[in-house]
Amino acid sequence: MVHIIWYGVTRGEIKLDINTRIIDMDTLIGEQVVKNVDDSYTILLNARLSSEKQMECYRHALNHINNNDFEKEIADKIEFDSHCI
């Protein structure tokens, strides 16, 4: 089963379109974020996780979007900065 949610947020004065899908994934994966060709984003959440964990993953994904991480090149640094390690 796939659930689809559309959400509009703003980053400064820029409105961002965010599509969210809840799909079955490996339990080691909480979420995945994709920047689409139309500059919207799609957040894929794992349907096998609890609703609490899904919300945690959703907030994590939103942080990446709000921090403009898709314009950065080094994934390890993005995760490091995101988690304040």
C-alpha atoms as a PDB file:
ATOM      1  CA  MET A   1       0.000   0.000   0.000  1.00  0.00           C
ATOM      2  CA  VAL A   2       1.252   3.492  -0.850  1.00  0.00           C
ATOM      3  CA  HIS A   3       0.015   6.561   0.977  1.00  0.00           C
ATOM      4  CA  ILE A   4       0.587   9.923  -0.700  1.00  0.00           C
ATOM      5  CA  ILE A   5       0.625  13.233   1.134  1.00  0.00           C
ATOM      6  CA  TRP A   6       1.303  16.651  -0.408  1.00  0.00           C
ATOM      7  CA  TYR A   7       2.744  19.401   1.758  1.00  0.00           C
ATOM      8  CA  GLY A   8       3.792  22.941   0.911  1.00  0.00           C
ATOM      9  CA  VAL A   9       6.435  24.652   3.038  1.00  0.00           C
ATOM     10  CA  THR A  10       8.449  27.801   2.633  1.00  0.00           C
ATOM     11  CA  ARG A  11      12.184  28.359   2.853  1.00  0.00           C
ATOM     12  CA  GLY A  12      12.486  32.095   3.297  1.00  0.00           C
ATOM     13  CA  GLU A  13      10.201  33.463   0.618  1.00  0.00           C
ATOM     14  CA  ILE A  14      10.421  30.368  -1.576  1.00  0.00           C
ATOM     15  CA  LYS A  15       7.494  27.937  -1.486  1.00  0.00           C
ATOM     16  CA  LEU A  16       8.550  24.300  -1.656  1.00  0.00           C
ATOM     17  CA  ASP A  17       6.296  21.477  -2.785  1.00  0.00           C
ATOM     18  CA  ILE A  18       6.898  18.256  -0.887  1.00  0.00           C
ATOM     19  CA  ASN A  19       5.265  14.974  -1.809  1.00  0.00           C
ATOM     20  CA  THR A  20       5.362  12.232   0.794  1.00  0.00           C
ATOM     21  CA  ARG A  21       4.874   8.554   0.112  1.00  0.00           C
ATOM     22  CA  ILE A  22       4.741   5.781   2.658  1.00  0.00           C
ATOM     23  CA  ILE A  23       6.041   2.587   1.075  1.00  0.00           C
ATOM     24  CA  ASP A  24       7.499  -0.761   2.107  1.00  0.00           C
ATOM     25  CA  MET A  25      11.290  -0.603   2.333  1.00  0.00           C
ATOM     26  CA  ASP A  26      14.020  -2.554   4.057  1.00  0.00           C
ATOM     27  CA  THR A  27      13.733  -1.943   7.802  1.00  0.00           C
ATOM     28  CA  LEU A  28      17.267  -0.529   7.882  1.00  0.00           C
ATOM     29  CA  ILE A  29      16.050   2.443   5.796  1.00  0.00           C
ATOM     30  CA  GLY A  30      13.952   5.050   7.579  1.00  0.00           C
ATOM     31  CA  GLU A  31      13.432   7.501   4.749  1.00  0.00           C
ATOM     32  CA  GLN A  32      14.742   8.645   1.418  1.00  0.00           C
ATOM     33  CA  VAL A  33      14.474  12.128  -0.058  1.00  0.00           C
ATOM     34  CA  VAL A  34      14.536  12.905  -3.769  1.00  0.00           C
ATOM     35  CA  LYS A  35      14.787  16.330  -5.376  1.00  0.00           C
ATOM     36  CA  ASN A  36      12.555  16.180  -8.443  1.00  0.00           C
ATOM     37  CA  VAL A  37      13.226  17.803 -11.819  1.00  0.00           C
ATOM     38  CA  ASP A  38      10.556  20.455 -11.105  1.00  0.00           C
ATOM     39  CA  ASP A  39      12.412  21.455  -7.896  1.00  0.00           C
ATOM     40  CA  SER A  40       9.791  19.808  -5.693  1.00  0.00           C
ATOM     41  CA  TYR A  41      10.816  17.065  -3.277  1.00  0.00           C
ATOM     42  CA  THR A  42       9.561  13.578  -2.585  1.00  0.00           C
ATOM     43  CA  ILE A  43      10.013  12.041   0.854  1.00  0.00           C
ATOM     44  CA  LEU A  44       9.703   8.263   0.946  1.00  0.00           C
ATOM     45  CA  LEU A  45       8.899   6.948   4.427  1.00  0.00           C
ATOM     46  CA  ASN A  46       9.145   3.312   5.444  1.00  0.00           C
ATOM     47  CA  ALA A  47       5.690   1.781   6.027  1.00  0.00           C
ATOM     48  CA  ARG A  48       7.256  -0.890   8.252  1.00  0.00           C
ATOM     49  CA  LEU A  49       8.244   1.624  10.932  1.00  0.00           C
ATOM     50  CA  SER A  50       6.090   2.807  13.817  1.00  0.00           C
ATOM     51  CA  SER A  51       4.255   6.098  13.343  1.00  0.00           C
ATOM     52  CA  GLU A  52       6.583   7.693  15.913  1.00  0.00           C
ATOM     53  CA  LYS A  53       9.665   6.584  13.989  1.00  0.00           C
ATOM     54  CA  GLN A  54       8.082   7.719  10.712  1.00  0.00           C
ATOM     55  CA  MET A  55       7.578  11.211  12.183  1.00  0.00           C
ATOM     56  CA  GLU A  56      11.195  11.259  13.375  1.00  0.00           C
ATOM     57  CA  CYS A  57      12.343  10.286   9.882  1.00  0.00           C
ATOM     58  CA  TYR A  58      10.007  12.867   8.323  1.00  0.00           C
ATOM     59  CA  ARG A  59      11.480  15.647  10.484  1.00  0.00           C
ATOM     60  CA  HIS A  60      14.975  14.443   9.556  1.00  0.00           C
ATOM     61  CA  ALA A  61      14.076  14.633   5.851  1.00  0.00           C
ATOM     62  CA  LEU A  62      12.545  18.112   6.256  1.00  0.00           C
ATOM     63  CA  ASN A  63      15.750  19.280   7.935  1.00  0.00           C
ATOM     64  CA  HIS A  64      17.730  18.177   4.874  1.00  0.00           C
ATOM     65  CA  ILE A  65      15.326  20.061   2.609  1.00  0.00           C
ATOM     66  CA  ASN A  66      15.317  23.202   4.777  1.00  0.00           C
ATOM     67  CA  ASN A  67      19.128  23.153   5.029  1.00  0.00           C
ATOM     68  CA  ASN A  68      19.351  23.065   1.230  1.00  0.00           C
ATOM     69  CA  ASP A  69      21.430  19.890   1.488  1.00  0.00           C
ATOM     70  CA  PHE A  70      20.661  18.861  -2.081  1.00  0.00           C
ATOM     71  CA  GLU A  71      22.892  21.651  -3.308  1.00  0.00           C
ATOM     72  CA  LYS A  72      25.847  20.256  -1.318  1.00  0.00           C
ATOM     73  CA  GLU A  73      28.270  17.689  -2.669  1.00  0.00           C
ATOM     74  CA  ILE A  74      29.590  15.659   0.258  1.00  0.00           C
ATOM     75  CA  ALA A  75      26.980  13.298   1.711  1.00  0.00           C
ATOM     76  CA  ASP A  76      29.023  12.348   4.792  1.00  0.00           C
ATOM     77  CA  LYS A  77      29.427  16.015   5.767  1.00  0.00           C
ATOM     78  CA  ILE A  78      25.698  16.618   5.234  1.00  0.00           C
ATOM     79  CA  GLU A  79      24.820  13.782   7.621  1.00  0.00           C
ATOM     80  CA  PHE A  80      27.501  14.912  10.079  1.00  0.00           C
ATOM     81  CA  ASP A  81      26.123  18.464  10.118  1.00  0.00           C
ATOM     82  CA  SER A  82      22.529  17.229  10.218  1.00  0.00           C
ATOM     83  CA  HIS A  83      23.118  15.099  13.286  1.00  0.00           C
ATOM     84  CA  CYS A  84      25.473  17.567  14.989  1.00  0.00           C
ATOM     85  CA  ILE A  85      27.982  14.753  15.524  1.00  0.00           C
END
